[in-house]
C-alpha cells in the first residue's frame, strides 16, 4: 500500500497524471460523448427532441412515451426537470387525465 496523502504521494500523482489519462482507454469516448451531449443540450436539440417525442405520441401511448422520455432525459442533466415535467403536466391536462 502506497500512501498518497504525503509529499511523495503527491509527487507520484503529478508525475504519473498524463500517463494515467492516456492509458485509460474509455476516457476519450466518454469525453467525446459528454461534449456531444453538452452541445446538443446548449443548442436546444435535446429539449426539442423530448417535446417531439412526447407530443407526437397517440393518446394510448402518452404515459409510456413520457416515461421513456424521462429515462432518456437523464443524459441531459436538468432537462427532465426543467422541460419534461411541465410538458407532461400540460399534456395530461389537455387529455383530461
N, C-alpha and C. Protein backbone atom coordinates (compact mmCIF):
# COMPACT_ATOMS: atom_id res chain seq x y z
N UNK A 1 0.85 -1.16 0.00
CA UNK A 1 0.00 0.00 0.00
C UNK A 1 0.89 1.23 0.00
N UNK A 2 0.60 2.15 -0.92
CA UNK A 2 1.36 3.40 -1.02
C UNK A 2 0.44 4.54 -0.62
N UNK A 3 0.83 5.30 0.37
CA UNK A 3 0.04 6.43 0.82
C UNK A 3 0.18 7.58 -0.17
N UNK A 4 -0.94 8.18 -0.54
CA UNK A 4 -0.93 9.34 -1.44
C UNK A 4 -1.15 10.64 -0.68
N UNK A 5 -1.22 10.57 0.64
CA UNK A 5 -1.51 11.75 1.45
C UNK A 5 -0.25 12.37 2.05
N UNK A 6 0.84 12.30 1.33
CA UNK A 6 2.08 12.94 1.79
C UNK A 6 2.78 13.53 0.57
N UNK A 7 3.95 14.09 0.77
CA UNK A 7 4.67 14.75 -0.32
C UNK A 7 5.05 13.77 -1.42
N UNK A 8 5.50 12.58 -1.04
CA UNK A 8 5.87 11.58 -2.05
C UNK A 8 4.65 11.11 -2.84
N UNK A 9 3.54 10.96 -2.16
CA UNK A 9 2.31 10.55 -2.85
C UNK A 9 1.83 11.60 -3.83
N UNK A 10 1.90 12.88 -3.43
CA UNK A 10 1.52 13.97 -4.32
C UNK A 10 2.43 14.02 -5.54
N UNK A 11 3.71 13.80 -5.32
CA UNK A 11 4.66 13.76 -6.43
C UNK A 11 4.33 12.60 -7.37
N UNK A 12 3.98 11.45 -6.82
CA UNK A 12 3.60 10.29 -7.62
C UNK A 12 2.36 10.59 -8.47
N UNK A 13 1.39 11.25 -7.88
CA UNK A 13 0.17 11.61 -8.62
C UNK A 13 0.49 12.55 -9.77
N UNK A 14 1.26 13.59 -9.49
CA UNK A 14 1.55 14.60 -10.51
C UNK A 14 2.42 14.04 -11.63
N UNK A 15 3.41 13.24 -11.30
CA UNK A 15 4.30 12.72 -12.33
C UNK A 15 3.64 11.66 -13.21
N UNK A 16 2.67 10.93 -12.69
CA UNK A 16 2.00 9.88 -13.47
C UNK A 16 0.64 10.30 -14.01
N UNK A 17 0.29 11.56 -13.86
CA UNK A 17 -1.03 12.02 -14.25
C UNK A 17 -1.29 11.83 -15.74
N UNK A 18 -0.40 12.30 -16.57
CA UNK A 18 -0.60 12.20 -18.02
C UNK A 18 -0.60 10.75 -18.47
N UNK A 19 0.30 9.96 -17.93
CA UNK A 19 0.37 8.54 -18.30
C UNK A 19 -0.92 7.81 -17.93
N UNK A 20 -1.50 8.14 -16.78
CA UNK A 20 -2.74 7.50 -16.38
C UNK A 20 -3.90 7.90 -17.29
N UNK A 21 -4.00 9.18 -17.64
CA UNK A 21 -5.08 9.62 -18.52
C UNK A 21 -4.94 9.03 -19.91
N UNK A 22 -3.73 9.00 -20.45
CA UNK A 22 -3.51 8.46 -21.79
C UNK A 22 -3.74 6.95 -21.80
N UNK A 23 -3.39 6.28 -20.73
CA UNK A 23 -3.53 4.83 -20.67
C UNK A 23 -4.94 4.35 -20.41
N UNK A 24 -5.85 5.24 -20.02
CA UNK A 24 -7.23 4.85 -19.72
C UNK A 24 -8.05 4.96 -21.00
N UNK A 25 -8.30 3.84 -21.66
CA UNK A 25 -8.92 3.81 -22.99
C UNK A 25 -10.32 4.43 -23.06
N UNK A 26 -11.23 4.17 -22.11
CA UNK A 26 -12.58 4.72 -22.25
C UNK A 26 -12.67 6.23 -22.08
N UNK A 27 -11.61 6.86 -21.61
CA UNK A 27 -11.68 8.30 -21.34
C UNK A 27 -11.99 9.10 -22.59
N UNK A 28 -11.38 8.78 -23.71
CA UNK A 28 -11.63 9.51 -24.95
C UNK A 28 -13.07 9.41 -25.40
N UNK A 29 -13.63 8.21 -25.32
CA UNK A 29 -15.02 8.01 -25.72
C UNK A 29 -15.97 8.78 -24.82
N UNK A 30 -15.72 8.74 -23.52
CA UNK A 30 -16.58 9.44 -22.57
C UNK A 30 -16.50 10.95 -22.79
N UNK A 31 -15.30 11.48 -23.00
CA UNK A 31 -15.16 12.92 -23.21
C UNK A 31 -15.87 13.37 -24.48
N UNK A 32 -15.74 12.62 -25.56
CA UNK A 32 -16.42 12.98 -26.81
C UNK A 32 -17.94 12.89 -26.65
N UNK A 33 -18.42 11.85 -25.98
CA UNK A 33 -19.86 11.71 -25.77
C UNK A 33 -20.40 12.85 -24.91
N UNK A 34 -19.70 13.21 -23.85
CA UNK A 34 -20.15 14.30 -22.99
C UNK A 34 -20.11 15.64 -23.72
N UNK A 35 -19.13 15.83 -24.57
CA UNK A 35 -19.06 17.05 -25.37
C UNK A 35 -20.25 17.12 -26.33
N UNK A 36 -20.58 16.01 -26.95
CA UNK A 36 -21.74 15.97 -27.85
C UNK A 36 -23.05 16.24 -27.13
N UNK A 37 -23.23 15.66 -25.95
CA UNK A 37 -24.44 15.89 -25.16
C UNK A 37 -24.52 17.34 -24.72
N UNK A 38 -23.39 17.92 -24.32
CA UNK A 38 -23.38 19.32 -23.89
C UNK A 38 -23.75 20.25 -25.04
N UNK A 39 -23.22 19.99 -26.23
CA UNK A 39 -23.55 20.82 -27.39
C UNK A 39 -25.03 20.66 -27.75
N UNK A 40 -25.53 19.44 -27.72
CA UNK A 40 -26.94 19.20 -28.04
C UNK A 40 -27.86 19.86 -27.02
N UNK A 41 -27.48 19.85 -25.75
CA UNK A 41 -28.30 20.49 -24.73
C UNK A 41 -28.26 22.01 -24.87
N UNK A 42 -27.08 22.56 -25.11
CA UNK A 42 -26.94 24.01 -25.23
C UNK A 42 -27.68 24.54 -26.46
N UNK A 43 -27.68 23.78 -27.54
CA UNK A 43 -28.35 24.22 -28.77
C UNK A 43 -29.86 24.05 -28.72
N UNK A 44 -30.36 23.31 -27.75
CA UNK A 44 -31.79 23.09 -27.63
C UNK A 44 -32.28 21.84 -28.34
N UNK A 45 -31.37 21.07 -28.90
CA UNK A 45 -31.75 19.87 -29.63
C UNK A 45 -32.41 18.84 -28.72
N UNK A 46 -31.87 18.63 -27.53
CA UNK A 46 -32.45 17.63 -26.63
C UNK A 46 -33.84 18.05 -26.16
N UNK A 47 -34.01 19.33 -25.87
CA UNK A 47 -35.32 19.83 -25.46
C UNK A 47 -36.35 19.65 -26.57
N UNK A 48 -35.98 19.98 -27.80
CA UNK A 48 -36.89 19.82 -28.93
C UNK A 48 -37.18 18.34 -29.19
N UNK A 49 -36.20 17.49 -29.02
CA UNK A 49 -36.41 16.06 -29.22
C UNK A 49 -37.37 15.49 -28.18
N UNK A 50 -37.24 15.93 -26.92
CA UNK A 50 -38.16 15.46 -25.89
C UNK A 50 -39.58 15.93 -26.19
N UNK A 51 -39.72 17.20 -26.60
CA UNK A 51 -41.05 17.70 -26.94
C UNK A 51 -41.64 16.91 -28.10
N UNK A 52 -40.85 16.69 -29.14
CA UNK A 52 -41.34 15.96 -30.30
C UNK A 52 -41.72 14.53 -29.97
N UNK A 53 -40.94 13.90 -29.10
CA UNK A 53 -41.21 12.52 -28.70
C UNK A 53 -42.53 12.41 -27.95
N UNK A 54 -42.76 13.33 -27.02
CA UNK A 54 -43.96 13.26 -26.18
C UNK A 54 -45.18 13.78 -26.93
N UNK A 55 -45.05 14.88 -27.65
CA UNK A 55 -46.20 15.48 -28.32
C UNK A 55 -46.65 14.66 -29.52
N UNK A 56 -45.79 13.86 -30.10
CA UNK A 56 -46.16 13.06 -31.27
C UNK A 56 -46.78 11.72 -30.92
N UNK A 57 -46.95 11.42 -29.66
CA UNK A 57 -47.47 10.11 -29.25
C UNK A 57 -49.00 10.09 -29.30
N UNK A 58 -49.55 8.92 -29.56
CA UNK A 58 -51.01 8.77 -29.54
C UNK A 58 -51.50 8.81 -28.10
N UNK A 59 -52.81 8.99 -27.92
CA UNK A 59 -53.35 9.12 -26.57
C UNK A 59 -53.11 7.87 -25.73
N UNK A 60 -53.10 6.72 -26.36
CA UNK A 60 -52.88 5.48 -25.62
C UNK A 60 -51.44 5.34 -25.16
N UNK A 61 -50.52 5.94 -25.90
CA UNK A 61 -49.09 5.76 -25.62
C UNK A 61 -48.46 6.94 -24.89
N UNK A 62 -49.26 7.92 -24.48
CA UNK A 62 -48.70 9.13 -23.87
C UNK A 62 -47.93 8.79 -22.60
N UNK A 63 -48.49 7.99 -21.73
CA UNK A 63 -47.81 7.66 -20.47
C UNK A 63 -46.51 6.92 -20.73
N UNK A 64 -46.53 5.98 -21.65
CA UNK A 64 -45.32 5.23 -21.98
C UNK A 64 -44.26 6.16 -22.55
N UNK A 65 -44.66 7.08 -23.42
CA UNK A 65 -43.69 7.99 -24.03
C UNK A 65 -43.14 8.99 -23.02
N UNK A 66 -43.96 9.43 -22.06
CA UNK A 66 -43.46 10.33 -21.02
C UNK A 66 -42.43 9.61 -20.16
N UNK A 67 -42.69 8.37 -19.80
CA UNK A 67 -41.73 7.60 -19.02
C UNK A 67 -40.45 7.37 -19.82
N UNK A 68 -40.59 7.01 -21.08
CA UNK A 68 -39.42 6.80 -21.95
C UNK A 68 -38.62 8.08 -22.11
N UNK A 69 -39.30 9.20 -22.31
CA UNK A 69 -38.61 10.49 -22.44
C UNK A 69 -37.91 10.86 -21.13
N UNK A 70 -38.51 10.52 -20.00
CA UNK A 70 -37.87 10.78 -18.71
C UNK A 70 -36.59 9.98 -18.53
N UNK A 71 -36.61 8.75 -18.99
CA UNK A 71 -35.40 7.92 -18.92
C UNK A 71 -34.32 8.47 -19.83
N UNK A 72 -34.71 8.85 -21.04
CA UNK A 72 -33.73 9.40 -21.98
C UNK A 72 -33.20 10.74 -21.49
N UNK A 73 -34.06 11.55 -20.87
CA UNK A 73 -33.64 12.89 -20.44
C UNK A 73 -32.60 12.84 -19.33
N UNK A 74 -32.34 11.67 -18.79
CA UNK A 74 -31.30 11.53 -17.78
C UNK A 74 -29.92 11.86 -18.34
N UNK A 75 -29.74 11.73 -19.66
CA UNK A 75 -28.45 12.07 -20.25
C UNK A 75 -28.18 13.56 -20.22
N UNK A 76 -29.21 14.35 -20.27
CA UNK A 76 -29.04 15.80 -20.18
C UNK A 76 -29.47 16.22 -18.78
N UNK A 77 -28.56 16.68 -18.00
CA UNK A 77 -28.69 16.86 -16.56
C UNK A 77 -30.06 17.34 -16.09
N UNK A 78 -30.40 18.59 -16.28
CA UNK A 78 -31.65 19.11 -15.72
C UNK A 78 -32.79 19.13 -16.72
N UNK A 79 -32.61 18.57 -17.88
CA UNK A 79 -33.63 18.61 -18.93
C UNK A 79 -34.93 17.95 -18.46
N UNK A 80 -34.84 16.84 -17.79
CA UNK A 80 -36.03 16.14 -17.32
C UNK A 80 -36.85 16.96 -16.35
N UNK A 81 -36.20 17.72 -15.50
CA UNK A 81 -36.91 18.52 -14.51
C UNK A 81 -37.41 19.83 -15.08
N UNK A 82 -36.65 20.44 -15.94
CA UNK A 82 -36.99 21.77 -16.45
C UNK A 82 -38.03 21.69 -17.56
N UNK A 83 -37.90 20.75 -18.45
CA UNK A 83 -38.77 20.70 -19.63
C UNK A 83 -39.83 19.62 -19.53
N UNK A 84 -39.43 18.42 -19.21
CA UNK A 84 -40.33 17.27 -19.35
C UNK A 84 -41.47 17.26 -18.33
N UNK A 85 -41.23 17.59 -17.09
CA UNK A 85 -42.29 17.54 -16.09
C UNK A 85 -43.40 18.55 -16.39
N UNK A 86 -43.08 19.83 -16.65
CA UNK A 86 -44.16 20.75 -17.03
C UNK A 86 -44.85 20.36 -18.34
N UNK A 87 -44.08 19.87 -19.30
CA UNK A 87 -44.65 19.44 -20.57
C UNK A 87 -45.61 18.27 -20.37
N UNK A 88 -45.23 17.31 -19.56
CA UNK A 88 -46.10 16.17 -19.27
C UNK A 88 -47.35 16.61 -18.53
N UNK A 89 -47.22 17.56 -17.61
CA UNK A 89 -48.39 18.06 -16.89
C UNK A 89 -49.37 18.73 -17.84
N UNK A 90 -48.87 19.56 -18.74
CA UNK A 90 -49.75 20.21 -19.72
C UNK A 90 -50.39 19.19 -20.65
N UNK A 91 -49.63 18.19 -21.03
CA UNK A 91 -50.13 17.16 -21.93
C UNK A 91 -51.23 16.34 -21.27
N UNK A 92 -51.02 15.91 -20.03
CA UNK A 92 -52.04 15.15 -19.33
C UNK A 92 -53.27 16.01 -19.04
N UNK A 93 -53.07 17.28 -18.74
CA UNK A 93 -54.20 18.19 -18.51
C UNK A 93 -55.04 18.34 -19.78
N UNK A 94 -54.37 18.49 -20.91
CA UNK A 94 -55.11 18.64 -22.17
C UNK A 94 -55.85 17.36 -22.56
N UNK A 95 -55.36 16.21 -22.11
CA UNK A 95 -56.04 14.94 -22.38
C UNK A 95 -57.11 14.63 -21.35
N UNK A 96 -57.22 15.44 -20.31
CA UNK A 96 -58.23 15.23 -19.28
C UNK A 96 -57.90 14.14 -18.30
N UNK A 97 -56.64 13.87 -18.09
CA UNK A 97 -56.23 12.82 -17.14
C UNK A 97 -55.76 13.43 -15.85
